[in-house]
């Protein structure tokens, strides 16, 4: 099943890629495939929410790409070969690798790198690490204190995570295809449930909002 789904997934990813990301998608993806086969697919049983060669900006404004990215929980995966990432690495490349890691952290994403040797020799350990992360989120999303969310609230959480930036009321209106009043009410309901907070306020008006960690953790309970 993995082979069939992987081929379909790769085709979808290539068809949706443009520019430099498309070039990255056409390189040798053997390591990425191994990462998906050993870690991601067994845990998720799906590629839904996964994006290959995910584009980000470093702290210096340079484009960078991570091998795979799980959008619902903002997890960046890397498969790193010893030769290209350690044995023959230049000082400049070594510095850039550290910048990449800091950039992922500053964007509030989780970075989970695996070596090619680990994936081949210790697949159960690699898989267990990811399953433990998923378990942490699942236990929180299934807790009794979490209130049941409305369909509108769920969609705003999903959309907000995919935006990966602060949310505006215009975003909520677009997501729900609704008028200002409903969008405003949904946002306030999420604020009351401690799933969202206002940011960038002025003395006159609130312009933007952000999802709190608990909202993202709840995603695994929105199947």
N, C-alpha and C. Protein backbone atom coordinates (compact mmCIF):
# COMPACT_ATOMS: atom_id res chain seq x y z
N UNK A 1 0.82 -1.21 0.00
CA UNK A 1 0.00 0.00 0.00
C UNK A 1 0.86 1.26 0.00
N UNK A 2 1.97 1.23 0.76
CA UNK A 2 2.83 2.42 0.82
C UNK A 2 3.32 2.82 -0.56
N UNK A 3 3.80 1.85 -1.34
CA UNK A 3 4.36 2.16 -2.65
C UNK A 3 3.33 2.84 -3.56
N UNK A 4 2.11 2.32 -3.57
CA UNK A 4 1.06 2.91 -4.41
C UNK A 4 0.72 4.32 -3.96
N UNK A 5 0.55 4.49 -2.64
CA UNK A 5 0.20 5.81 -2.12
C UNK A 5 1.34 6.80 -2.29
N UNK A 6 2.57 6.31 -2.16
CA UNK A 6 3.73 7.19 -2.34
C UNK A 6 3.81 7.70 -3.77
N UNK A 7 3.60 6.84 -4.75
CA UNK A 7 3.65 7.26 -6.14
C UNK A 7 2.57 8.30 -6.43
N UNK A 8 1.38 8.08 -5.90
CA UNK A 8 0.29 9.04 -6.09
C UNK A 8 0.62 10.37 -5.41
N UNK A 9 1.16 10.27 -4.21
CA UNK A 9 1.51 11.46 -3.43
C UNK A 9 2.60 12.28 -4.12
N UNK A 10 3.63 11.61 -4.61
CA UNK A 10 4.71 12.31 -5.29
C UNK A 10 4.18 13.05 -6.52
N UNK A 11 3.32 12.40 -7.27
CA UNK A 11 2.75 13.04 -8.46
C UNK A 11 1.97 14.29 -8.08
N UNK A 12 1.18 14.21 -7.03
CA UNK A 12 0.41 15.37 -6.57
C UNK A 12 1.33 16.50 -6.15
N UNK A 13 2.40 16.16 -5.44
CA UNK A 13 3.33 17.18 -4.97
C UNK A 13 4.06 17.86 -6.13
N UNK A 14 4.46 17.07 -7.12
CA UNK A 14 5.14 17.65 -8.28
C UNK A 14 4.20 18.52 -9.09
N UNK A 15 2.97 18.06 -9.27
CA UNK A 15 1.99 18.84 -10.04
C UNK A 15 1.68 20.18 -9.39
N UNK A 16 1.79 20.25 -8.07
CA UNK A 16 1.47 21.50 -7.36
C UNK A 16 2.69 22.39 -7.13
N UNK A 17 3.87 21.91 -7.50
CA UNK A 17 5.11 22.65 -7.25
C UNK A 17 5.45 23.59 -8.40
N UNK A 18 6.06 24.71 -8.06
CA UNK A 18 6.52 25.67 -9.06
C UNK A 18 7.91 26.18 -8.65
N UNK A 19 8.60 26.77 -9.61
CA UNK A 19 9.87 27.43 -9.32
C UNK A 19 10.91 26.52 -8.71
N UNK A 20 11.60 27.05 -7.70
CA UNK A 20 12.70 26.31 -7.09
C UNK A 20 12.21 25.05 -6.38
N UNK A 21 11.00 25.12 -5.81
CA UNK A 21 10.47 23.92 -5.16
C UNK A 21 10.30 22.79 -6.17
N UNK A 22 9.87 23.11 -7.38
CA UNK A 22 9.73 22.10 -8.42
C UNK A 22 11.08 21.49 -8.75
N UNK A 23 12.11 22.31 -8.81
CA UNK A 23 13.46 21.80 -9.06
C UNK A 23 13.89 20.85 -7.95
N UNK A 24 13.56 21.22 -6.70
CA UNK A 24 13.91 20.36 -5.58
C UNK A 24 13.17 19.04 -5.64
N UNK A 25 11.93 19.07 -6.12
CA UNK A 25 11.13 17.86 -6.21
C UNK A 25 11.68 16.89 -7.26
N UNK A 26 12.45 17.38 -8.21
CA UNK A 26 12.97 16.54 -9.28
C UNK A 26 14.33 15.92 -8.95
N UNK A 27 14.87 16.25 -7.79
CA UNK A 27 16.16 15.66 -7.41
C UNK A 27 15.93 14.25 -6.86
N UNK A 28 17.02 13.60 -6.44
CA UNK A 28 16.92 12.26 -5.87
C UNK A 28 16.22 12.35 -4.50
N UNK A 29 15.05 11.71 -4.38
CA UNK A 29 14.27 11.76 -3.14
C UNK A 29 14.32 10.43 -2.38
N UNK A 30 15.39 9.67 -2.60
CA UNK A 30 15.51 8.37 -1.93
C UNK A 30 15.44 8.51 -0.41
N UNK A 31 16.17 9.48 0.12
CA UNK A 31 16.17 9.68 1.57
C UNK A 31 14.81 10.11 2.08
N UNK A 32 14.16 11.00 1.35
CA UNK A 32 12.83 11.46 1.75
C UNK A 32 11.84 10.31 1.72
N UNK A 33 11.92 9.47 0.70
CA UNK A 33 11.03 8.32 0.61
C UNK A 33 11.24 7.39 1.81
N UNK A 34 12.49 7.18 2.17
CA UNK A 34 12.79 6.31 3.32
C UNK A 34 12.23 6.92 4.60
N UNK A 35 12.34 8.21 4.75
CA UNK A 35 11.80 8.92 5.91
C UNK A 35 10.29 8.72 6.01
N UNK A 36 9.60 8.88 4.89
CA UNK A 36 8.15 8.70 4.88
C UNK A 36 7.77 7.25 5.18
N UNK A 37 8.52 6.32 4.61
CA UNK A 37 8.20 4.90 4.76
C UNK A 37 8.40 4.42 6.20
N UNK A 38 9.46 4.89 6.84
CA UNK A 38 9.81 4.40 8.17
C UNK A 38 9.08 5.16 9.28
N UNK A 39 8.95 6.48 9.12
CA UNK A 39 8.45 7.31 10.22
C UNK A 39 7.02 7.82 10.00
N UNK A 40 6.80 8.49 8.88
CA UNK A 40 5.55 9.24 8.71
C UNK A 40 4.36 8.34 8.37
N UNK A 41 4.51 7.49 7.36
CA UNK A 41 3.39 6.66 6.93
C UNK A 41 2.90 5.71 8.02
N UNK A 42 3.78 4.97 8.71
CA UNK A 42 3.28 4.06 9.75
C UNK A 42 2.53 4.77 10.87
N UNK A 43 2.91 6.02 11.16
CA UNK A 43 2.27 6.76 12.25
C UNK A 43 0.95 7.38 11.84
N UNK A 44 0.91 7.96 10.63
CA UNK A 44 -0.28 8.68 10.20
C UNK A 44 -1.23 7.84 9.35
N UNK A 45 -0.69 6.78 8.72
CA UNK A 45 -1.46 5.95 7.79
C UNK A 45 -2.02 6.77 6.63
N UNK A 46 -1.38 7.88 6.35
CA UNK A 46 -1.86 8.78 5.31
C UNK A 46 -0.78 9.82 5.04
N UNK A 47 -0.87 10.50 3.89
CA UNK A 47 0.00 11.63 3.60
C UNK A 47 -0.77 12.95 3.69
N UNK A 48 -1.99 12.89 4.19
CA UNK A 48 -2.79 14.10 4.32
C UNK A 48 -2.11 15.08 5.27
N UNK A 49 -1.96 16.32 4.84
CA UNK A 49 -1.32 17.33 5.66
C UNK A 49 0.19 17.37 5.53
N UNK A 50 0.77 16.46 4.72
CA UNK A 50 2.22 16.41 4.53
C UNK A 50 2.59 17.14 3.24
N UNK A 51 3.62 17.93 3.30
CA UNK A 51 4.10 18.64 2.11
C UNK A 51 5.61 18.41 1.97
N UNK A 52 6.03 18.03 0.77
CA UNK A 52 7.45 17.78 0.53
C UNK A 52 8.14 19.05 0.06
N UNK A 53 9.44 19.14 0.37
CA UNK A 53 10.26 20.30 0.00
C UNK A 53 9.53 21.59 0.39
N UNK A 54 9.22 21.67 1.66
CA UNK A 54 8.47 22.82 2.20
C UNK A 54 9.39 24.04 2.26
N UNK A 55 8.93 25.13 1.67
CA UNK A 55 9.76 26.33 1.59
C UNK A 55 9.61 27.20 2.83
N UNK A 56 10.77 27.65 3.34
CA UNK A 56 10.81 28.58 4.46
C UNK A 56 11.88 29.62 4.17
N UNK A 57 11.93 30.65 5.01
CA UNK A 57 12.99 31.64 4.94
C UNK A 57 13.85 31.53 6.18
N UNK A 58 15.16 31.61 6.00
CA UNK A 58 16.06 31.62 7.15
C UNK A 58 15.97 32.98 7.84
N UNK A 59 16.64 33.08 8.97
CA UNK A 59 16.66 34.34 9.71
C UNK A 59 17.33 35.45 8.92
N UNK A 60 18.12 35.08 7.91
CA UNK A 60 18.78 36.09 7.07
C UNK A 60 18.01 36.37 5.78
N UNK A 61 16.83 35.74 5.63
CA UNK A 61 16.00 36.00 4.46
C UNK A 61 16.28 35.11 3.26
N UNK A 62 17.11 34.09 3.43
CA UNK A 62 17.45 33.17 2.35
C UNK A 62 16.44 32.02 2.32
N UNK A 63 16.02 31.61 1.13
CA UNK A 63 15.09 30.49 1.01
C UNK A 63 15.75 29.19 1.45
N UNK A 64 14.99 28.37 2.15
CA UNK A 64 15.47 27.05 2.54
C UNK A 64 14.31 26.07 2.38
N UNK A 65 14.64 24.79 2.29
CA UNK A 65 13.61 23.77 2.10
C UNK A 65 13.85 22.63 3.08
N UNK A 66 12.77 22.15 3.69
CA UNK A 66 12.87 20.96 4.54
C UNK A 66 12.25 19.79 3.77
N UNK A 67 12.78 18.59 4.01
CA UNK A 67 12.38 17.42 3.22
C UNK A 67 10.88 17.17 3.26
N UNK A 68 10.31 17.22 4.45
CA UNK A 68 8.87 16.98 4.61
C UNK A 68 8.35 17.81 5.76
N UNK A 69 7.12 18.24 5.65
CA UNK A 69 6.53 19.11 6.67
C UNK A 69 5.10 18.65 6.93
N UNK A 70 4.77 18.40 8.21
CA UNK A 70 3.42 18.01 8.59
C UNK A 70 2.69 19.25 9.07
N UNK A 71 1.83 19.78 8.23
CA UNK A 71 1.21 21.09 8.47
C UNK A 71 0.34 21.15 9.72
N UNK A 72 -0.50 20.14 10.02
CA UNK A 72 -1.37 20.27 11.20
C UNK A 72 -0.63 20.54 12.50
N UNK A 73 0.53 19.92 12.69
CA UNK A 73 1.27 20.10 13.94
C UNK A 73 2.57 20.87 13.75
N UNK A 74 2.79 21.42 12.54
CA UNK A 74 3.96 22.25 12.26
C UNK A 74 5.26 21.54 12.61
N UNK A 75 5.43 20.32 12.07
CA UNK A 75 6.63 19.52 12.30
C UNK A 75 7.43 19.42 11.01
N UNK A 76 8.69 19.81 11.08
CA UNK A 76 9.60 19.74 9.93
C UNK A 76 10.50 18.52 10.06
N UNK A 77 10.50 17.66 9.03
CA UNK A 77 11.30 16.44 9.02
C UNK A 77 12.47 16.58 8.05
N UNK A 78 13.60 16.00 8.43
CA UNK A 78 14.76 15.97 7.55
C UNK A 78 15.39 14.58 7.59
N UNK A 79 15.80 14.09 6.43
CA UNK A 79 16.63 12.90 6.35
C UNK A 79 18.02 13.36 5.94
N UNK A 80 19.01 13.16 6.81
CA UNK A 80 20.34 13.70 6.59
C UNK A 80 21.35 12.57 6.40
N UNK A 81 22.00 12.57 5.26
CA UNK A 81 23.07 11.61 5.02
C UNK A 81 24.36 12.07 5.66
N UNK A 82 25.16 11.14 6.16
CA UNK A 82 26.39 11.50 6.87
C UNK A 82 27.37 12.24 5.96
N UNK A 83 27.53 11.77 4.74
CA UNK A 83 28.52 12.36 3.84
C UNK A 83 28.18 13.81 3.54
N UNK A 84 26.92 14.07 3.15
CA UNK A 84 26.54 15.43 2.74
C UNK A 84 26.32 16.37 3.90
N UNK A 85 26.03 15.85 5.09
CA UNK A 85 25.73 16.72 6.23
C UNK A 85 26.80 16.71 7.31
N UNK A 86 27.84 15.90 7.15
CA UNK A 86 28.87 15.85 8.19
C UNK A 86 30.27 15.65 7.63
N UNK A 87 30.50 14.54 6.91
CA UNK A 87 31.87 14.18 6.52
C UNK A 87 32.51 15.20 5.59
N UNK A 88 31.77 15.64 4.56
CA UNK A 88 32.35 16.53 3.56
C UNK A 88 31.79 17.94 3.63
N UNK A 89 31.21 18.29 4.73
CA UNK A 89 30.57 19.60 4.82
C UNK A 89 31.63 20.70 4.98
N UNK A 90 31.42 21.83 4.31
CA UNK A 90 32.33 22.97 4.44
C UNK A 90 31.94 23.78 5.67
N UNK A 91 32.82 24.68 6.08
CA UNK A 91 32.51 25.52 7.23
C UNK A 91 31.29 26.41 6.95
N UNK A 92 31.21 26.94 5.73
CA UNK A 92 30.07 27.78 5.38
C UNK A 92 28.78 26.98 5.42
N UNK A 93 28.83 25.75 4.89
CA UNK A 93 27.64 24.91 4.91
C UNK A 93 27.26 24.53 6.34
N UNK A 94 28.26 24.28 7.17
CA UNK A 94 28.02 23.96 8.57
C UNK A 94 27.29 25.11 9.26
N UNK A 95 27.76 26.33 8.99
CA UNK A 95 27.12 27.52 9.56
C UNK A 95 25.68 27.64 9.07
N UNK A 96 25.46 27.38 7.78
CA UNK A 96 24.12 27.50 7.21
C UNK A 96 23.17 26.47 7.83
N UNK A 97 23.69 25.28 8.10
CA UNK A 97 22.86 24.24 8.72
C UNK A 97 22.37 24.70 10.10
N UNK A 98 23.23 25.38 10.84
CA UNK A 98 22.82 25.87 12.16
C UNK A 98 21.79 27.00 12.01
N UNK A 99 21.97 27.81 10.98
CA UNK A 99 21.00 28.87 10.72
C UNK A 99 19.64 28.27 10.38
N UNK A 100 19.64 27.18 9.60
CA UNK A 100 18.39 26.50 9.24
C UNK A 100 17.65 26.02 10.49
N UNK A 101 18.40 25.41 11.41
CA UNK A 101 17.78 24.88 12.62
C UNK A 101 17.20 26.01 13.46
N UNK A 102 17.94 27.10 13.61
CA UNK A 102 17.42 28.24 14.38
C UNK A 102 16.20 28.84 13.70
N UNK A 103 16.21 28.87 12.38
CA UNK A 103 15.09 29.45 11.64
C UNK A 103 13.81 28.65 11.87
N UNK A 104 13.94 27.33 11.88
CA UNK A 104 12.78 26.48 12.16
C UNK A 104 12.25 26.76 13.56
N UNK A 105 13.16 26.87 14.52
CA UNK A 105 12.76 27.12 15.90
C UNK A 105 12.10 28.48 16.07
N UNK A 106 12.64 29.50 15.42
CA UNK A 106 12.08 30.84 15.56
C UNK A 106 10.69 30.94 14.95
N UNK A 107 10.40 30.10 13.98
CA UNK A 107 9.07 30.11 13.37
C UNK A 107 8.09 29.22 14.15
N UNK A 108 8.50 28.77 15.33
CA UNK A 108 7.67 27.99 16.25
C UNK A 108 7.27 26.63 15.68
N UNK A 109 8.12 26.10 14.82
CA UNK A 109 7.92 24.75 14.30
C UNK A 109 8.83 23.77 15.03
N UNK A 110 8.43 22.52 15.05
CA UNK A 110 9.25 21.48 15.64
C UNK A 110 10.14 20.87 14.56
N UNK A 111 11.42 20.70 14.87
CA UNK A 111 12.37 20.16 13.90
C UNK A 111 12.74 18.75 14.32
N UNK A 112 12.49 17.77 13.43
CA UNK A 112 12.79 16.36 13.72
C UNK A 112 13.70 15.81 12.63
N UNK A 113 15.02 15.90 12.81
CA UNK A 113 15.96 15.36 11.82
C UNK A 113 16.31 13.90 12.12
N UNK A 114 16.47 13.12 11.06
CA UNK A 114 16.88 11.72 11.18
C UNK A 114 18.06 11.49 10.25
N UNK A 115 19.00 10.68 10.68
CA UNK A 115 20.09 10.32 9.77
C UNK A 115 19.64 9.13 8.93
N UNK A 116 20.22 9.02 7.73
CA UNK A 116 19.90 7.89 6.85
C UNK A 116 20.25 6.57 7.53
N UNK A 117 21.37 6.55 8.25
CA UNK A 117 21.79 5.32 8.95
C UNK A 117 20.77 4.93 10.01
N UNK A 118 20.24 5.92 10.75
CA UNK A 118 19.24 5.61 11.78
C UNK A 118 17.98 5.02 11.16
N UNK A 119 17.54 5.58 10.05
CA UNK A 119 16.34 5.08 9.39
C UNK A 119 16.53 3.64 8.93
N UNK A 120 17.74 3.30 8.50
CA UNK A 120 18.02 1.95 8.02
C UNK A 120 18.28 0.96 9.16
N UNK A 121 18.99 1.40 10.19
CA UNK A 121 19.44 0.49 11.24
C UNK A 121 18.56 0.50 12.49
N UNK A 122 17.88 1.61 12.73
CA UNK A 122 17.06 1.74 13.94
C UNK A 122 15.66 2.28 13.59
N UNK A 123 14.97 1.65 12.66
CA UNK A 123 13.68 2.18 12.22
C UNK A 123 12.64 2.26 13.33
N UNK A 124 12.64 1.30 14.24
CA UNK A 124 11.65 1.31 15.32
C UNK A 124 11.86 2.49 16.25
N UNK A 125 13.10 2.81 16.55
CA UNK A 125 13.40 3.96 17.40
C UNK A 125 12.95 5.26 16.72
N UNK A 126 13.25 5.38 15.43
CA UNK A 126 12.86 6.58 14.69
C UNK A 126 11.35 6.75 14.68
N UNK A 127 10.66 5.67 14.43
CA UNK A 127 9.20 5.71 14.38
C UNK A 127 8.62 6.02 15.77
N UNK A 128 9.22 5.44 16.79
CA UNK A 128 8.73 5.65 18.16
C UNK A 128 8.84 7.11 18.58
N UNK A 129 9.91 7.77 18.16
CA UNK A 129 10.08 9.18 18.51
C UNK A 129 8.91 10.02 17.99
N UNK A 130 8.53 9.78 16.74
CA UNK A 130 7.41 10.53 16.16
C UNK A 130 6.09 10.14 16.81
N UNK A 131 5.91 8.86 17.08
CA UNK A 131 4.68 8.40 17.73
C UNK A 131 4.52 9.01 19.12
N UNK A 132 5.64 9.20 19.81
CA UNK A 132 5.57 9.81 21.14
C UNK A 132 5.12 11.26 21.04
N UNK A 133 5.58 11.95 20.01
CA UNK A 133 5.14 13.34 19.80
C UNK A 133 3.64 13.36 19.50
N UNK A 134 3.19 12.49 18.62
CA UNK A 134 1.77 12.41 18.31
C UNK A 134 0.97 12.06 19.55
N UNK A 135 1.50 11.18 20.38
CA UNK A 135 0.81 10.79 21.59
C UNK A 135 0.60 11.95 22.55
N UNK A 136 1.58 12.84 22.61
CA UNK A 136 1.45 14.01 23.48
C UNK A 136 0.28 14.89 23.03
N UNK A 137 0.16 15.09 21.73
CA UNK A 137 -0.92 15.91 21.22
C UNK A 137 -2.27 15.20 21.37
N UNK A 138 -2.29 13.90 21.10
CA UNK A 138 -3.53 13.16 21.19
C UNK A 138 -4.07 13.15 22.61
N UNK A 139 -3.19 13.01 23.58
CA UNK A 139 -3.65 12.98 24.97
C UNK A 139 -4.23 14.30 25.38
N UNK A 140 -3.69 15.39 24.85
CA UNK A 140 -4.22 16.71 25.18
C UNK A 140 -5.55 16.94 24.49
N UNK A 141 -5.61 16.59 23.20
CA UNK A 141 -6.84 16.85 22.45
C UNK A 141 -7.99 15.98 22.96
N UNK A 142 -7.66 14.86 23.61
CA UNK A 142 -8.72 14.01 24.10
C UNK A 142 -9.07 14.27 25.56
N UNK A 143 -8.46 15.28 26.16
CA UNK A 143 -8.71 15.56 27.56
C UNK A 143 -10.13 16.04 27.80
N UNK A 144 -10.65 15.76 29.00
CA UNK A 144 -12.03 16.10 29.30
C UNK A 144 -12.27 17.60 29.36
N UNK A 145 -11.21 18.38 29.67
CA UNK A 145 -11.42 19.82 29.81
C UNK A 145 -11.64 20.51 28.46
N UNK A 146 -11.31 19.82 27.36
CA UNK A 146 -11.48 20.44 26.05
C UNK A 146 -12.95 20.42 25.63
N UNK A 147 -13.50 21.60 25.41
CA UNK A 147 -14.90 21.70 25.01
C UNK A 147 -15.08 21.24 23.56
N UNK A 148 -16.25 20.75 23.26
CA UNK A 148 -16.57 20.41 21.88
C UNK A 148 -16.64 21.69 21.06
N UNK A 149 -16.05 21.65 19.89
CA UNK A 149 -16.04 22.85 19.04
C UNK A 149 -17.11 22.75 17.97
N UNK A 150 -17.59 23.91 17.55
CA UNK A 150 -18.54 23.95 16.45
C UNK A 150 -17.81 23.72 15.14
N UNK A 151 -18.58 23.45 14.08
CA UNK A 151 -17.98 23.26 12.76
C UNK A 151 -17.21 24.50 12.34
N UNK A 152 -17.76 25.68 12.62
CA UNK A 152 -17.12 26.93 12.24
C UNK A 152 -15.79 27.11 12.98
N UNK A 153 -15.78 26.78 14.27
CA UNK A 153 -14.55 26.93 15.04
C UNK A 153 -13.47 25.97 14.54
N UNK A 154 -13.87 24.75 14.20
CA UNK A 154 -12.92 23.78 13.68
C UNK A 154 -12.29 24.26 12.39
N UNK A 155 -13.12 24.78 11.50
CA UNK A 155 -12.60 25.23 10.21
C UNK A 155 -11.65 26.41 10.35
N UNK A 156 -11.95 27.30 11.28
CA UNK A 156 -11.06 28.45 11.51
C UNK A 156 -9.71 27.98 12.05
N UNK A 157 -9.72 26.98 12.94
CA UNK A 157 -8.45 26.44 13.46
C UNK A 157 -7.64 25.82 12.33
N UNK A 158 -8.29 24.99 11.53
CA UNK A 158 -7.59 24.36 10.40
C UNK A 158 -6.99 25.42 9.48
N UNK A 159 -7.80 26.38 9.11
CA UNK A 159 -7.37 27.40 8.17
C UNK A 159 -6.25 28.25 8.77
N UNK A 160 -6.38 28.55 10.05
CA UNK A 160 -5.36 29.36 10.70
C UNK A 160 -4.01 28.69 10.73
N UNK A 161 -3.98 27.37 10.97
CA UNK A 161 -2.72 26.63 10.98
C UNK A 161 -2.08 26.65 9.59
N UNK A 162 -2.90 26.48 8.56
CA UNK A 162 -2.37 26.47 7.19
C UNK A 162 -1.85 27.85 6.79
N UNK A 163 -2.47 28.92 7.30
CA UNK A 163 -2.00 30.27 6.97
C UNK A 163 -0.60 30.51 7.51
N UNK A 164 -0.33 29.93 8.70
CA UNK A 164 0.99 30.08 9.33
C UNK A 164 1.37 31.54 9.53
N UNK A 165 0.39 32.35 9.90
CA UNK A 165 0.60 33.76 10.24
C UNK A 165 -0.57 34.20 11.12
N UNK A 166 -0.53 35.44 11.55
CA UNK A 166 -1.65 35.95 12.32
C UNK A 166 -2.91 35.98 11.45
N UNK A 167 -4.04 35.78 12.09
CA UNK A 167 -5.32 35.70 11.39
C UNK A 167 -6.07 37.03 11.48
N UNK A 168 -6.64 37.44 10.38
CA UNK A 168 -7.47 38.64 10.36
C UNK A 168 -8.94 38.25 10.22
N UNK A 169 -9.84 39.14 10.56
CA UNK A 169 -11.26 38.84 10.40
C UNK A 169 -11.60 38.58 8.94
N UNK A 170 -10.90 39.23 8.03
CA UNK A 170 -11.13 38.99 6.61
C UNK A 170 -10.79 37.54 6.25
N UNK A 171 -9.77 36.98 6.91
CA UNK A 171 -9.43 35.57 6.69
C UNK A 171 -10.56 34.67 7.16
N UNK A 172 -11.12 34.98 8.32
CA UNK A 172 -12.20 34.17 8.87
C UNK A 172 -13.43 34.26 7.97
N UNK A 173 -13.74 35.45 7.49
CA UNK A 173 -14.88 35.62 6.57
C UNK A 173 -14.68 34.79 5.31
N UNK A 174 -13.46 34.81 4.78
CA UNK A 174 -13.16 34.04 3.57
C UNK A 174 -13.25 32.55 3.83
N UNK A 175 -12.71 32.11 4.97
CA UNK A 175 -12.71 30.68 5.32
C UNK A 175 -14.13 30.15 5.47
N UNK A 176 -14.98 30.91 6.15
CA UNK A 176 -16.34 30.46 6.45
C UNK A 176 -17.37 30.91 5.42
N UNK A 177 -16.92 31.76 4.48
CA UNK A 177 -17.86 32.31 3.48
C UNK A 177 -19.05 32.95 4.19
N UNK A 178 -18.74 33.81 5.15
CA UNK A 178 -19.80 34.40 5.97
C UNK A 178 -19.62 35.90 6.08
N UNK A 179 -20.57 36.53 6.76
CA UNK A 179 -20.52 37.97 6.96
C UNK A 179 -19.66 38.31 8.18
N UNK A 180 -19.41 39.59 8.35
CA UNK A 180 -18.52 40.06 9.42
C UNK A 180 -19.00 39.62 10.80
N UNK A 181 -20.32 39.72 11.07
CA UNK A 181 -20.83 39.44 12.40
C UNK A 181 -20.55 38.00 12.83
N UNK A 182 -20.79 37.03 11.91
CA UNK A 182 -20.54 35.63 12.26
C UNK A 182 -19.04 35.40 12.48
N UNK A 183 -18.22 35.95 11.61
CA UNK A 183 -16.77 35.80 11.75
C UNK A 183 -16.31 36.34 13.11
N UNK A 184 -16.82 37.50 13.47
CA UNK A 184 -16.46 38.12 14.76
C UNK A 184 -16.89 37.25 15.92
N UNK A 185 -18.10 36.67 15.83
CA UNK A 185 -18.60 35.81 16.90
C UNK A 185 -17.77 34.54 17.06
N UNK A 186 -17.39 33.94 15.93
CA UNK A 186 -16.58 32.71 15.99
C UNK A 186 -15.22 33.00 16.62
N UNK A 187 -14.62 34.10 16.25
CA UNK A 187 -13.33 34.48 16.83
C UNK A 187 -13.47 34.67 18.33
N UNK A 188 -14.50 35.34 18.77
CA UNK A 188 -14.69 35.56 20.21
C UNK A 188 -14.96 34.26 20.96
N UNK A 189 -15.64 33.32 20.30
CA UNK A 189 -15.87 32.02 20.93
C UNK A 189 -14.55 31.29 21.14
N UNK A 190 -13.66 31.37 20.14
CA UNK A 190 -12.34 30.73 20.27
C UNK A 190 -11.50 31.41 21.34
N UNK A 191 -11.64 32.73 21.46
CA UNK A 191 -10.93 33.46 22.52
C UNK A 191 -11.44 33.02 23.90
N UNK A 192 -12.76 32.90 24.04
CA UNK A 192 -13.35 32.47 25.31
C UNK A 192 -12.89 31.08 25.71
N UNK A 193 -12.63 30.22 24.72
CA UNK A 193 -12.21 28.84 24.98
C UNK A 193 -10.69 28.72 25.10
N UNK A 194 -10.01 29.85 25.14
CA UNK A 194 -8.55 29.89 25.31
C UNK A 194 -7.82 29.22 24.15
N UNK A 195 -8.40 29.32 22.95
CA UNK A 195 -7.79 28.74 21.76
C UNK A 195 -7.22 29.81 20.83
N UNK A 196 -7.52 31.05 21.11
CA UNK A 196 -7.07 32.16 20.28
C UNK A 196 -6.91 33.39 21.15
N UNK A 197 -6.03 34.29 20.74
CA UNK A 197 -5.89 35.56 21.45
C UNK A 197 -5.66 36.69 20.47
N UNK A 198 -5.98 37.88 20.89
CA UNK A 198 -5.78 39.07 20.06
C UNK A 198 -4.32 39.49 20.12
N UNK A 199 -3.79 39.95 18.99
CA UNK A 199 -2.41 40.47 18.94
C UNK A 199 -2.42 41.76 18.14
N UNK A 200 -1.37 42.54 18.29
CA UNK A 200 -1.25 43.77 17.51
C UNK A 200 -2.39 44.73 17.75
N UNK A 201 -2.83 44.84 19.01
CA UNK A 201 -3.97 45.70 19.30
C UNK A 201 -3.59 47.17 19.30
N UNK A 202 -4.56 48.01 19.09
CA UNK A 202 -4.41 49.45 19.24
C UNK A 202 -5.39 49.89 20.30
N UNK A 203 -5.39 51.15 20.62
CA UNK A 203 -6.32 51.65 21.62
C UNK A 203 -7.74 51.69 21.09
N UNK A 204 -7.90 51.54 19.77
CA UNK A 204 -9.23 51.65 19.18
C UNK A 204 -9.77 50.32 18.69
N UNK A 205 -8.91 49.47 18.14
CA UNK A 205 -9.44 48.29 17.46
C UNK A 205 -8.43 47.16 17.41
N UNK A 206 -8.93 45.94 17.52
CA UNK A 206 -8.08 44.75 17.38
C UNK A 206 -8.04 44.37 15.91
N UNK A 207 -6.86 44.16 15.37
CA UNK A 207 -6.73 43.89 13.95
C UNK A 207 -6.36 42.44 13.63
N UNK A 208 -5.65 41.78 14.54
CA UNK A 208 -5.16 40.44 14.23
C UNK A 208 -5.29 39.52 15.44
N UNK A 209 -5.28 38.21 15.14
CA UNK A 209 -5.41 37.21 16.18
C UNK A 209 -4.41 36.09 15.89
N UNK A 210 -4.09 35.32 16.91
CA UNK A 210 -3.25 34.14 16.70
C UNK A 210 -3.81 32.95 17.45
N UNK A 211 -3.61 31.77 16.88
CA UNK A 211 -4.02 30.55 17.54
C UNK A 211 -3.06 30.24 18.69
N UNK A 212 -3.59 29.83 19.80
CA UNK A 212 -2.76 29.42 20.93
C UNK A 212 -2.37 27.95 20.76
N UNK A 213 -1.31 27.49 21.42
CA UNK A 213 -0.84 26.11 21.23
C UNK A 213 -1.92 25.06 21.40
N UNK A 214 -2.84 25.26 22.32
CA UNK A 214 -3.88 24.27 22.56
C UNK A 214 -4.76 24.04 21.34
N UNK A 215 -4.97 25.09 20.55
CA UNK A 215 -5.79 24.95 19.34
C UNK A 215 -5.11 24.03 18.34
N UNK A 216 -3.80 24.17 18.19
CA UNK A 216 -3.07 23.33 17.25
C UNK A 216 -3.01 21.88 17.77
N UNK A 217 -2.91 21.74 19.08
CA UNK A 217 -2.87 20.41 19.66
C UNK A 217 -4.21 19.69 19.48
N UNK A 218 -5.27 20.46 19.39
CA UNK A 218 -6.59 19.87 19.25
C UNK A 218 -6.83 19.31 17.85
N UNK A 219 -6.00 19.66 16.90
CA UNK A 219 -6.21 19.25 15.52
C UNK A 219 -6.34 17.74 15.35
N UNK A 220 -5.56 16.99 16.11
CA UNK A 220 -5.62 15.55 15.96
C UNK A 220 -6.95 14.97 16.40
N UNK A 221 -7.74 15.77 17.10
CA UNK A 221 -9.05 15.31 17.50
C UNK A 221 -10.16 15.75 16.56
N UNK A 222 -9.77 16.34 15.41
CA UNK A 222 -10.75 16.86 14.48
C UNK A 222 -10.95 15.96 13.28
N UNK A 223 -10.74 14.68 13.42
CA UNK A 223 -10.89 13.76 12.29
C UNK A 223 -12.34 13.72 11.83
